[in-house]
Amino acid sequence: MAYLLLACAIASEVVATSLLPRTAGFTVLLPSLAVLAGYAVSFVLLAKVVQTVPVGVAYAIWSATGTAAVAAIGAVFLGQPLTGWQVGGLALVVGGVVLLQLGGSPH
């Protein structure tokens, strides 16, 4: 259940971040309200997740997945191309999260 909530937190954050350009610096009301609501939902869900998932693992997954998703959305839908270096950097971030998860918890 915690990882489903984490997926919802990530989705909420990604939607909010993707809408940021439409706020025009928080001068356009509806997109601004959507961004604030999206971030609020994301943080509330993340707070629920860290009750059962270690905060380092939860935050690493949340931030890396969100970063990769927003970069992909920017490239596909917002006309913001990614260079080879940027794709490599994203791969390193995601790889780091995988290693963190594979490392398990120390006993």
PDB file of N, CA and C in Angstrom:
ATOM      1  N   MET A   1       0.821  -1.204   0.000  1.00  0.00           N
ATOM      2  CA  MET A   1       0.000   0.000   0.000  1.00  0.00           C
ATOM      3  C   MET A   1       0.864   1.266   0.000  1.00  0.00           C
ATOM      4  N   ALA A   2       1.987   1.207   0.738  1.00  0.00           N
ATOM      5  CA  ALA A   2       2.846   2.387   0.819  1.00  0.00           C
ATOM      6  C   ALA A   2       3.400   2.771  -0.552  1.00  0.00           C
ATOM      7  N   TYR A   3       3.744   1.761  -1.353  1.00  0.00           N
ATOM      8  CA  TYR A   3       4.318   2.074  -2.662  1.00  0.00           C
ATOM      9  C   TYR A   3       3.252   2.577  -3.636  1.00  0.00           C
ATOM     10  N   LEU A   4       2.017   2.197  -3.452  1.00  0.00           N
ATOM     11  CA  LEU A   4       0.929   2.770  -4.247  1.00  0.00           C
ATOM     12  C   LEU A   4       0.746   4.246  -3.884  1.00  0.00           C
ATOM     13  N   LEU A   5       0.782   4.546  -2.586  1.00  0.00           N
ATOM     14  CA  LEU A   5       0.707   5.948  -2.154  1.00  0.00           C
ATOM     15  C   LEU A   5       1.897   6.747  -2.684  1.00  0.00           C
ATOM     16  N   LEU A   6       3.072   6.113  -2.697  1.00  0.00           N
ATOM     17  CA  LEU A   6       4.260   6.785  -3.217  1.00  0.00           C
ATOM     18  C   LEU A   6       4.094   7.082  -4.706  1.00  0.00           C
ATOM     19  N   ALA A   7       3.542   6.141  -5.448  1.00  0.00           N
ATOM     20  CA  ALA A   7       3.292   6.369  -6.875  1.00  0.00           C
ATOM     21  C   ALA A   7       2.322   7.536  -7.073  1.00  0.00           C
ATOM     22  N   CYS A   8       1.300   7.611  -6.227  1.00  0.00           N
ATOM     23  CA  CYS A   8       0.346   8.729  -6.312  1.00  0.00           C
ATOM     24  C   CYS A   8       1.016  10.052  -5.946  1.00  0.00           C
ATOM     25  N   ALA A   9       1.900  10.033  -4.956  1.00  0.00           N
ATOM     26  CA  ALA A   9       2.640  11.243  -4.578  1.00  0.00           C
ATOM     27  C   ALA A   9       3.523  11.709  -5.728  1.00  0.00           C
ATOM     28  N   ILE A  10       4.176  10.760  -6.386  1.00  0.00           N
ATOM     29  CA  ILE A  10       5.034  11.096  -7.524  1.00  0.00           C
ATOM     30  C   ILE A  10       4.201  11.684  -8.655  1.00  0.00           C
ATOM     31  N   ALA A  11       3.086  11.046  -8.955  1.00  0.00           N
ATOM     32  CA  ALA A  11       2.220  11.531 -10.042  1.00  0.00           C
ATOM     33  C   ALA A  11       1.726  12.946  -9.758  1.00  0.00           C
ATOM     34  N   SER A  12       1.330  13.197  -8.526  1.00  0.00           N
ATOM     35  CA  SER A  12       0.845  14.519  -8.148  1.00  0.00           C
ATOM     36  C   SER A  12       1.937  15.573  -8.297  1.00  0.00           C
ATOM     37  N   GLU A  13       3.137  15.237  -7.876  1.00  0.00           N
ATOM     38  CA  GLU A  13       4.256  16.166  -7.971  1.00  0.00           C
ATOM     39  C   GLU A  13       4.632  16.419  -9.424  1.00  0.00           C
ATOM     40  N   VAL A  14       4.603  15.378 -10.243  1.00  0.00           N
ATOM     41  CA  VAL A  14       4.951  15.513 -11.661  1.00  0.00           C
ATOM     42  C   VAL A  14       3.940  16.397 -12.383  1.00  0.00           C
ATOM     43  N   VAL A  15       2.664  16.193 -12.108  1.00  0.00           N
ATOM     44  CA  VAL A  15       1.634  17.036 -12.719  1.00  0.00           C
ATOM     45  C   VAL A  15       1.825  18.492 -12.289  1.00  0.00           C
ATOM     46  N   ALA A  16       2.047  18.696 -10.999  1.00  0.00           N
ATOM     47  CA  ALA A  16       2.229  20.061 -10.497  1.00  0.00           C
ATOM     48  C   ALA A  16       3.442  20.727 -11.143  1.00  0.00           C
ATOM     49  N   THR A  17       4.538  20.012 -11.203  1.00  0.00           N
ATOM     50  CA  THR A  17       5.750  20.584 -11.789  1.00  0.00           C
ATOM     51  C   THR A  17       5.575  20.862 -13.276  1.00  0.00           C
ATOM     52  N   SER A  18       4.887  19.964 -13.966  1.00  0.00           N
ATOM     53  CA  SER A  18       4.650  20.156 -15.400  1.00  0.00           C
ATOM     54  C   SER A  18       3.771  21.373 -15.684  1.00  0.00           C
ATOM     55  N   LEU A  19       2.933  21.725 -14.726  1.00  0.00           N
ATOM     56  CA  LEU A  19       2.061  22.888 -14.893  1.00  0.00           C
ATOM     57  C   LEU A  19       2.729  24.216 -14.532  1.00  0.00           C
ATOM     58  N   LEU A  20       3.888  24.174 -13.922  1.00  0.00           N
ATOM     59  CA  LEU A  20       4.559  25.407 -13.486  1.00  0.00           C
ATOM     60  C   LEU A  20       4.704  26.458 -14.586  1.00  0.00           C
ATOM     61  N   PRO A  21       5.113  26.084 -15.817  1.00  0.00           N
ATOM     62  CA  PRO A  21       5.244  27.135 -16.840  1.00  0.00           C
ATOM     63  C   PRO A  21       3.928  27.872 -17.109  1.00  0.00           C
ATOM     64  N   ARG A  22       2.810  27.205 -16.940  1.00  0.00           N
ATOM     65  CA  ARG A  22       1.503  27.829 -17.211  1.00  0.00           C
ATOM     66  C   ARG A  22       1.104  28.844 -16.132  1.00  0.00           C
ATOM     67  N   THR A  23       1.791  28.837 -14.995  1.00  0.00           N
ATOM     68  CA  THR A  23       1.453  29.795 -13.940  1.00  0.00           C
ATOM     69  C   THR A  23       1.971  31.196 -14.255  1.00  0.00           C
ATOM     70  N   ALA A  24       2.913  31.293 -15.200  1.00  0.00           N
ATOM     71  CA  ALA A  24       3.545  32.576 -15.543  1.00  0.00           C
ATOM     72  C   ALA A  24       4.028  33.289 -14.281  1.00  0.00           C
ATOM     73  N   GLY A  25       4.823  32.559 -13.500  1.00  0.00           N
ATOM     74  CA  GLY A  25       5.350  33.144 -12.262  1.00  0.00           C
ATOM     75  C   GLY A  25       4.280  33.339 -11.200  1.00  0.00           C
ATOM     76  N   PHE A  26       3.322  32.437 -11.164  1.00  0.00           N
ATOM     77  CA  PHE A  26       2.190  32.490 -10.225  1.00  0.00           C
ATOM     78  C   PHE A  26       1.341  33.750 -10.405  1.00  0.00           C
ATOM     79  N   THR A  27       1.204  34.179 -11.657  1.00  0.00           N
ATOM     80  CA  THR A  27       0.337  35.324 -11.950  1.00  0.00           C
ATOM     81  C   THR A  27      -0.974  34.897 -12.611  1.00  0.00           C
ATOM     82  N   VAL A  28      -1.080  33.614 -13.004  1.00  0.00           N
ATOM     83  CA  VAL A  28      -2.312  33.092 -13.601  1.00  0.00           C
ATOM     84  C   VAL A  28      -2.959  32.182 -12.547  1.00  0.00           C
ATOM     85  N   LEU A  29      -4.175  32.519 -12.148  1.00  0.00           N
ATOM     86  CA  LEU A  29      -4.791  31.908 -10.975  1.00  0.00           C
ATOM     87  C   LEU A  29      -4.998  30.397 -11.058  1.00  0.00           C
ATOM     88  N   LEU A  30      -5.712  29.899 -12.058  1.00  0.00           N
ATOM     89  CA  LEU A  30      -6.072  28.481 -12.070  1.00  0.00           C
ATOM     90  C   LEU A  30      -4.866  27.545 -12.123  1.00  0.00           C
ATOM     91  N   PRO A  31      -3.912  27.767 -13.014  1.00  0.00           N
ATOM     92  CA  PRO A  31      -2.737  26.893 -12.988  1.00  0.00           C
ATOM     93  C   PRO A  31      -1.959  27.017 -11.672  1.00  0.00           C
ATOM     94  N   SER A  32      -1.917  28.200 -11.106  1.00  0.00           N
ATOM     95  CA  SER A  32      -1.218  28.395  -9.833  1.00  0.00           C
ATOM     96  C   SER A  32      -1.873  27.591  -8.715  1.00  0.00           C
ATOM     97  N   LEU A  33      -3.205  27.618  -8.681  1.00  0.00           N
ATOM     98  CA  LEU A  33      -3.921  26.832  -7.675  1.00  0.00           C
ATOM     99  C   LEU A  33      -3.712  25.338  -7.890  1.00  0.00           C
ATOM    100  N   ALA A  34      -3.688  24.908  -9.152  1.00  0.00           N
ATOM    101  CA  ALA A  34      -3.459  23.494  -9.455  1.00  0.00           C
ATOM    102  C   ALA A  34      -2.059  23.059  -9.014  1.00  0.00           C
ATOM    103  N   VAL A  35      -1.068  23.909  -9.247  1.00  0.00           N
ATOM    104  CA  VAL A  35       0.302  23.596  -8.833  1.00  0.00           C
ATOM    105  C   VAL A  35       0.385  23.485  -7.311  1.00  0.00           C
ATOM    106  N   LEU A  36      -0.170  24.449  -6.608  1.00  0.00           N
ATOM    107  CA  LEU A  36      -0.130  24.411  -5.143  1.00  0.00           C
ATOM    108  C   LEU A  36      -0.864  23.193  -4.591  1.00  0.00           C
ATOM    109  N   ALA A  37      -2.015  22.874  -5.174  1.00  0.00           N
ATOM    110  CA  ALA A  37      -2.767  21.701  -4.729  1.00  0.00           C
ATOM    111  C   ALA A  37      -1.984  20.418  -5.016  1.00  0.00           C
ATOM    112  N   GLY A  38      -1.374  20.351  -6.186  1.00  0.00           N
ATOM    113  CA  GLY A  38      -0.589  19.166  -6.546  1.00  0.00           C
ATOM    114  C   GLY A  38       0.568  18.933  -5.602  1.00  0.00           C
ATOM    115  N   TYR A  39       1.287  19.999  -5.270  1.00  0.00           N
ATOM    116  CA  TYR A  39       2.398  19.856  -4.320  1.00  0.00           C
ATOM    117  C   TYR A  39       1.893  19.493  -2.929  1.00  0.00           C
ATOM    118  N   ALA A  40       0.785  20.074  -2.513  1.00  0.00           N
ATOM    119  CA  ALA A  40       0.225  19.756  -1.190  1.00  0.00           C
ATOM    120  C   ALA A  40      -0.158  18.285  -1.117  1.00  0.00           C
ATOM    121  N   VAL A  41      -0.853  17.787  -2.119  1.00  0.00           N
ATOM    122  CA  VAL A  41      -1.244  16.370  -2.138  1.00  0.00           C
ATOM    123  C   VAL A  41       0.005  15.490  -2.127  1.00  0.00           C
ATOM    124  N   SER A  42       0.987  15.863  -2.917  1.00  0.00           N
ATOM    125  CA  SER A  42       2.208  15.076  -2.990  1.00  0.00           C
ATOM    126  C   SER A  42       2.902  14.970  -1.635  1.00  0.00           C
ATOM    127  N   PHE A  43       3.015  16.085  -0.928  1.00  0.00           N
ATOM    128  CA  PHE A  43       3.698  16.066   0.363  1.00  0.00           C
ATOM    129  C   PHE A  43       2.889  15.340   1.432  1.00  0.00           C
ATOM    130  N   VAL A  44       1.583  15.460   1.389  1.00  0.00           N
ATOM    131  CA  VAL A  44       0.750  14.725   2.350  1.00  0.00           C
ATOM    132  C   VAL A  44       0.917  13.222   2.131  1.00  0.00           C
ATOM    133  N   LEU A  45       0.869  12.801   0.872  1.00  0.00           N
ATOM    134  CA  LEU A  45       1.045  11.375   0.585  1.00  0.00           C
ATOM    135  C   LEU A  45       2.445  10.896   0.952  1.00  0.00           C
ATOM    136  N   LEU A  46       3.456  11.702   0.656  1.00  0.00           N
ATOM    137  CA  LEU A  46       4.819  11.332   1.016  1.00  0.00           C
ATOM    138  C   LEU A  46       4.960  11.200   2.529  1.00  0.00           C
ATOM    139  N   ALA A  47       4.301  12.072   3.271  1.00  0.00           N
ATOM    140  CA  ALA A  47       4.341  11.979   4.742  1.00  0.00           C
ATOM    141  C   ALA A  47       3.715  10.676   5.221  1.00  0.00           C
ATOM    142  N   LYS A  48       2.665  10.218   4.546  1.00  0.00           N
ATOM    143  CA  LYS A  48       2.054   8.929   4.889  1.00  0.00           C
ATOM    144  C   LYS A  48       3.013   7.782   4.574  1.00  0.00           C
ATOM    145  N   VAL A  49       3.679   7.877   3.438  1.00  0.00           N
ATOM    146  CA  VAL A  49       4.583   6.814   3.001  1.00  0.00           C
ATOM    147  C   VAL A  49       5.720   6.614   3.988  1.00  0.00           C
ATOM    148  N   VAL A  50       6.297   7.707   4.473  1.00  0.00           N
ATOM    149  CA  VAL A  50       7.471   7.572   5.349  1.00  0.00           C
ATOM    150  C   VAL A  50       7.126   7.046   6.734  1.00  0.00           C
ATOM    151  N   GLN A  51       5.861   6.788   6.980  1.00  0.00           N
ATOM    152  CA  GLN A  51       5.490   6.106   8.225  1.00  0.00           C
ATOM    153  C   GLN A  51       5.868   4.631   8.158  1.00  0.00           C
ATOM    154  N   THR A  52       5.992   4.085   6.933  1.00  0.00           N
ATOM    155  CA  THR A  52       6.321   2.662   6.802  1.00  0.00           C
ATOM    156  C   THR A  52       7.562   2.398   5.955  1.00  0.00           C
ATOM    157  N   VAL A  53       7.916   3.309   5.078  1.00  0.00           N
ATOM    158  CA  VAL A  53       9.093   3.150   4.225  1.00  0.00           C
ATOM    159  C   VAL A  53      10.177   4.091   4.755  1.00  0.00           C
ATOM    160  N   PRO A  54      11.427   3.631   4.850  1.00  0.00           N
ATOM    161  CA  PRO A  54      12.491   4.532   5.317  1.00  0.00           C
ATOM    162  C   PRO A  54      12.515   5.817   4.495  1.00  0.00           C
ATOM    163  N   VAL A  55      12.661   6.932   5.179  1.00  0.00           N
ATOM    164  CA  VAL A  55      12.563   8.238   4.519  1.00  0.00           C
ATOM    165  C   VAL A  55      13.593   8.388   3.400  1.00  0.00           C
ATOM    166  N   GLY A  56      14.789   7.874   3.590  1.00  0.00           N
ATOM    167  CA  GLY A  56      15.813   7.980   2.552  1.00  0.00           C
ATOM    168  C   GLY A  56      15.427   7.251   1.284  1.00  0.00           C
ATOM    169  N   VAL A  57      14.870   6.074   1.442  1.00  0.00           N
ATOM    170  CA  VAL A  57      14.432   5.280   0.291  1.00  0.00           C
ATOM    171  C   VAL A  57      13.229   5.947  -0.375  1.00  0.00           C
ATOM    172  N   ALA A  58      12.240   6.329   0.422  1.00  0.00           N
ATOM    173  CA  ALA A  58      11.030   6.953  -0.127  1.00  0.00           C
ATOM    174  C   ALA A  58      11.372   8.241  -0.870  1.00  0.00           C
ATOM    175  N   TYR A  59      12.196   9.078  -0.275  1.00  0.00           N
ATOM    176  CA  TYR A  59      12.538  10.353  -0.903  1.00  0.00           C
ATOM    177  C   TYR A  59      13.376  10.133  -2.159  1.00  0.00           C
ATOM    178  N   ALA A  60      14.281   9.167  -2.126  1.00  0.00           N
ATOM    179  CA  ALA A  60      15.102   8.887  -3.303  1.00  0.00           C
ATOM    180  C   ALA A  60      14.227   8.434  -4.474  1.00  0.00           C
ATOM    181  N   ILE A  61      13.300   7.538  -4.197  1.00  0.00           N
ATOM    182  CA  ILE A  61      12.402   7.077  -5.257  1.00  0.00           C
ATOM    183  C   ILE A  61      11.538   8.227  -5.754  1.00  0.00           C
ATOM    184  N   TRP A  62      10.977   8.995  -4.814  1.00  0.00           N
ATOM    185  CA  TRP A  62      10.101  10.121  -5.157  1.00  0.00           C
ATOM    186  C   TRP A  62      10.837  11.139  -6.026  1.00  0.00           C
ATOM    187  N   SER A  63      12.013  11.523  -5.596  1.00  0.00           N
ATOM    188  CA  SER A  63      12.723  12.582  -6.316  1.00  0.00           C
ATOM    189  C   SER A  63      13.285  12.092  -7.645  1.00  0.00           C
ATOM    190  N   ALA A  64      13.862  10.902  -7.689  1.00  0.00           N
ATOM    191  CA  ALA A  64      14.450  10.409  -8.935  1.00  0.00           C
ATOM    192  C   ALA A  64      13.381  10.120  -9.981  1.00  0.00           C
ATOM    193  N   THR A  65      12.306   9.480  -9.558  1.00  0.00           N
ATOM    194  CA  THR A  65      11.236   9.169 -10.510  1.00  0.00           C
ATOM    195  C   THR A  65      10.590  10.460 -11.006  1.00  0.00           C
ATOM    196  N   GLY A  66      10.364  11.394 -10.104  1.00  0.00           N
ATOM    197  CA  GLY A  66       9.794  12.677 -10.498  1.00  0.00           C
ATOM    198  C   GLY A  66      10.697  13.432 -11.454  1.00  0.00           C
ATOM    199  N   THR A  67      11.986  13.433 -11.165  1.00  0.00           N
ATOM    200  CA  THR A  67      12.943  14.120 -12.035  1.00  0.00           C
ATOM    201  C   THR A  67      12.949  13.511 -13.428  1.00  0.00           C
ATOM    202  N   ALA A  68      13.019  12.195 -13.503  1.00  0.00           N
ATOM    203  CA  ALA A  68      13.037  11.524 -14.802  1.00  0.00           C
ATOM    204  C   ALA A  68      11.728  11.756 -15.554  1.00  0.00           C
ATOM    205  N   ALA A  69      10.614  11.684 -14.862  1.00  0.00           N
ATOM    206  CA  ALA A  69       9.311  11.883 -15.510  1.00  0.00           C
ATOM    207  C   ALA A  69       9.160  13.302 -16.033  1.00  0.00           C
ATOM    208  N   VAL A  70       9.552  14.287 -15.237  1.00  0.00           N
ATOM    209  CA  VAL A  70       9.433  15.686 -15.677  1.00  0.00           C
ATOM    210  C   VAL A  70      10.378  15.957 -16.852  1.00  0.00           C
ATOM    211  N   ALA A  71      11.564  15.384 -16.831  1.00  0.00           N
ATOM    212  CA  ALA A  71      12.481  15.555 -17.966  1.00  0.00           C
ATOM    213  C   ALA A  71      11.881  14.942 -19.232  1.00  0.00           C
ATOM    214  N   ALA A  72      11.271  13.770 -19.094  1.00  0.00           N
ATOM    215  CA  ALA A  72      10.641  13.127 -20.258  1.00  0.00           C
ATOM    216  C   ALA A  72       9.449  13.942 -20.762  1.00  0.00           C
ATOM    217  N   ILE A  73       8.637  14.444 -19.857  1.00  0.00           N
ATOM    218  CA  ILE A  73       7.490  15.280 -20.242  1.00  0.00           C
ATOM    219  C   ILE A  73       7.981  16.549 -20.930  1.00  0.00           C
ATOM    220  N   GLY A  74       9.028  17.143 -20.392  1.00  0.00           N
ATOM    221  CA  GLY A  74       9.596  18.337 -21.021  1.00  0.00           C
ATOM    222  C   GLY A  74      10.069  18.058 -22.434  1.00  0.00           C
ATOM    223  N   ALA A  75      10.709  16.906 -22.627  1.00  0.00           N
ATOM    224  CA  ALA A  75      11.225  16.560 -23.954  1.00  0.00           C
ATOM    225  C   ALA A  75      10.102  16.226 -24.929  1.00  0.00           C
ATOM    226  N   VAL A  76       9.117  15.473 -24.469  1.00  0.00           N
ATOM    227  CA  VAL A  76       8.074  14.990 -25.370  1.00  0.00           C
ATOM    228  C   VAL A  76       6.991  16.036 -25.634  1.00  0.00           C
ATOM    229  N   PHE A  77       6.568  16.718 -24.583  1.00  0.00           N
ATOM    230  CA  PHE A  77       5.399  17.604 -24.719  1.00  0.00           C
ATOM    231  C   PHE A  77       5.723  19.095 -24.709  1.00  0.00           C
ATOM    232  N   LEU A  78       6.850  19.484 -24.145  1.00  0.00           N
ATOM    233  CA  LEU A  78       7.147  20.911 -24.005  1.00  0.00           C
ATOM    234  C   LEU A  78       8.277  21.381 -24.916  1.00  0.00           C
ATOM    235  N   GLY A  79       8.754  20.499 -25.785  1.00  0.00           N
ATOM    236  CA  GLY A  79       9.786  20.893 -26.741  1.00  0.00           C
ATOM    237  C   GLY A  79      11.122  21.223 -26.115  1.00  0.00           C
ATOM    238  N   GLN A  80      11.466  20.560 -25.034  1.00  0.00           N
ATOM    239  CA  GLN A  80      12.735  20.794 -24.350  1.00  0.00           C
ATOM    240  C   GLN A  80      13.633  19.566 -24.561  1.00  0.00           C
ATOM    241  N   PRO A  81      14.452  19.585 -25.614  1.00  0.00           N
ATOM    242  CA  PRO A  81      15.242  18.395 -25.939  1.00  0.00           C
ATOM    243  C   PRO A  81      16.273  18.071 -24.858  1.00  0.00           C
ATOM    244  N   LEU A  82      16.579  16.776 -24.737  1.00  0.00           N
ATOM    245  CA  LEU A  82      17.592  16.315 -23.799  1.00  0.00           C
ATOM    246  C   LEU A  82      18.868  15.974 -24.554  1.00  0.00           C
ATOM    247  N   THR A  83      19.996  16.394 -24.021  1.00  0.00           N
ATOM    248  CA  THR A  83      21.282  16.032 -24.613  1.00  0.00           C
ATOM    249  C   THR A  83      21.684  14.647 -24.104  1.00  0.00           C
ATOM    250  N   GLY A  84      22.675  14.096 -24.730  1.00  0.00           N
ATOM    251  CA  GLY A  84      23.204  12.806 -24.285  1.00  0.00           C
ATOM    252  C   GLY A  84      23.703  12.863 -22.850  1.00  0.00           C
ATOM    253  N   TRP A  85      24.330  13.970 -22.486  1.00  0.00           N
ATOM    254  CA  TRP A  85      24.818  14.134 -21.112  1.00  0.00           C
ATOM    255  C   TRP A  85      23.661  14.146 -20.115  1.00  0.00           C
ATOM    256  N   GLN A  86      22.586  14.808 -20.490  1.00  0.00           N
ATOM    257  CA  GLN A  86      21.425  14.871 -19.598  1.00  0.00           C
ATOM    258  C   GLN A  86      20.780  13.497 -19.431  1.00  0.00           C
ATOM    259  N   VAL A  87      20.667  12.755 -20.529  1.00  0.00           N
ATOM    260  CA  VAL A  87      20.115  11.397 -20.450  1.00  0.00           C
ATOM    261  C   VAL A  87      21.018  10.527 -19.582  1.00  0.00           C
ATOM    262  N   GLY A  88      22.326  10.674 -19.748  1.00  0.00           N
ATOM    263  CA  GLY A  88      23.273   9.933 -18.903  1.00  0.00           C
ATOM    264  C   GLY A  88      23.122  10.288 -17.434  1.00  0.00           C
ATOM    265  N   GLY A  89      22.941  11.567 -17.155  1.00  0.00           N
ATOM    266  CA  GLY A  89      22.745  11.999 -15.766  1.00  0.00           C
ATOM    267  C   GLY A  89      21.478  11.423 -15.168  1.00  0.00           C
ATOM    268  N   LEU A  90      20.413  11.404 -15.940  1.00  0.00           N
ATOM    269  CA  LEU A  90      19.160  10.806 -15.467  1.00  0.00           C
ATOM    270  C   LEU A  90      19.340   9.316 -15.202  1.00  0.00           C
ATOM    271  N   ALA A  91      20.075   8.639 -16.074  1.00  0.00           N
ATOM    272  CA  ALA A  91      20.338   7.210 -15.871  1.00  0.00           C
ATOM    273  C   ALA A  91      21.121   6.981 -14.584  1.00  0.00           C
ATOM    274  N   LEU A  92      22.068   7.852 -14.291  1.00  0.00           N
ATOM    275  CA  LEU A  92      22.835   7.728 -13.048  1.00  0.00           C
ATOM    276  C   LEU A  92      21.941   7.943 -11.821  1.00  0.00           C
ATOM    277  N   VAL A  93      21.050   8.906 -11.897  1.00  0.00           N
ATOM    278  CA  VAL A  93      20.132   9.162 -10.777  1.00  0.00           C
ATOM    279  C   VAL A  93      19.251   7.946 -10.532  1.00  0.00           C
ATOM    280  N   VAL A  94      18.651   7.432 -11.595  1.00  0.00           N
ATOM    281  CA  VAL A  94      17.776   6.267 -11.458  1.00  0.00           C
ATOM    282  C   VAL A  94      18.582   5.053 -10.997  1.00  0.00           C
ATOM    283  N   GLY A  95      19.783   4.882 -11.542  1.00  0.00           N
ATOM    284  CA  GLY A  95      20.646   3.783 -11.111  1.00  0.00           C
ATOM    285  C   GLY A  95      21.002   3.882  -9.633  1.00  0.00           C
ATOM    286  N   GLY A  96      21.224   5.085  -9.165  1.00  0.00           N
ATOM    287  CA  GLY A  96      21.520   5.282  -7.741  1.00  0.00           C
ATOM    288  C   GLY A  96      20.362   4.858  -6.853  1.00  0.00           C
ATOM    289  N   VAL A  97      19.151   5.155  -7.281  1.00  0.00           N
ATOM    290  CA  VAL A  97      17.973   4.749  -6.507  1.00  0.00           C
ATOM    291  C   VAL A  97      17.834   3.231  -6.517  1.00  0.00           C
ATOM    292  N   VAL A  98      18.087   2.618  -7.645  1.00  0.00           N
ATOM    293  CA  VAL A  98      18.024   1.152  -7.712  1.00  0.00           C
ATOM    294  C   VAL A  98      19.047   0.549  -6.759  1.00  0.00           C
ATOM    295  N   LEU A  99      20.268   1.063  -6.743  1.00  0.00           N
ATOM    296  CA  LEU A  99      21.282   0.559  -5.823  1.00  0.00           C
ATOM    297  C   LEU A  99      20.888   0.770  -4.370  1.00  0.00           C
ATOM    298  N   LEU A 100      20.293   1.907  -4.079  1.00  0.00           N
ATOM    299  CA  LEU A 100      19.834   2.185  -2.727  1.00  0.00           C
ATOM    300  C   LEU A 100      18.780   1.162  -2.299  1.00  0.00           C
ATOM    301  N   GLN A 101      17.872   0.849  -3.198  1.00  0.00           N
ATOM    302  CA  GLN A 101      16.818  -0.109  -2.920  1.00  0.00           C
ATOM    303  C   GLN A 101      17.390  -1.529  -2.791  1.00  0.00           C
ATOM    304  N   LEU A 102      18.330  -1.888  -3.664  1.00  0.00           N
ATOM    305  CA  LEU A 102      18.931  -3.227  -3.625  1.00  0.00           C
ATOM    306  C   LEU A 102      19.785  -3.428  -2.366  1.00  0.00           C
ATOM    307  N   GLY A 103      20.320  -2.336  -1.843  1.00  0.00           N
ATOM    308  CA  GLY A 103      21.156  -2.424  -0.650  1.00  0.00           C
ATOM    309  C   GLY A 103      20.391  -2.893   0.577  1.00  0.00           C
ATOM    310  N   GLY A 104      19.079  -2.752   0.546  1.00  0.00           N
ATOM    311  CA  GLY A 104      18.257  -3.176   1.689  1.00  0.00           C
ATOM    312  C   GLY A 104      18.565  -2.376   2.939  1.00  0.00           C
ATOM    313  N   SER A 105      18.020  -2.832   4.030  1.00  0.00           N
ATOM    314  CA  SER A 105      18.267  -2.151   5.307  1.00  0.00           C
ATOM    315  C   SER A 105      19.337  -2.897   6.080  1.00  0.00           C
ATOM    316  N   PRO A 106      20.291  -2.170   6.648  1.00  0.00           N
ATOM    317  CA  PRO A 106      21.361  -2.805   7.423  1.00  0.00           C
ATOM    318  C   PRO A 106      20.841  -3.376   8.738  1.00  0.00           C
ATOM    319  N   HIS A 107      21.367  -4.537   9.089  1.00  0.00           N
ATOM    320  CA  HIS A 107      20.987  -5.157  10.365  1.00  0.00           C
ATOM    321  C   HIS A 107      22.210  -5.450  11.185  1.00  0.00           C
TER     322      HIS A 107
END
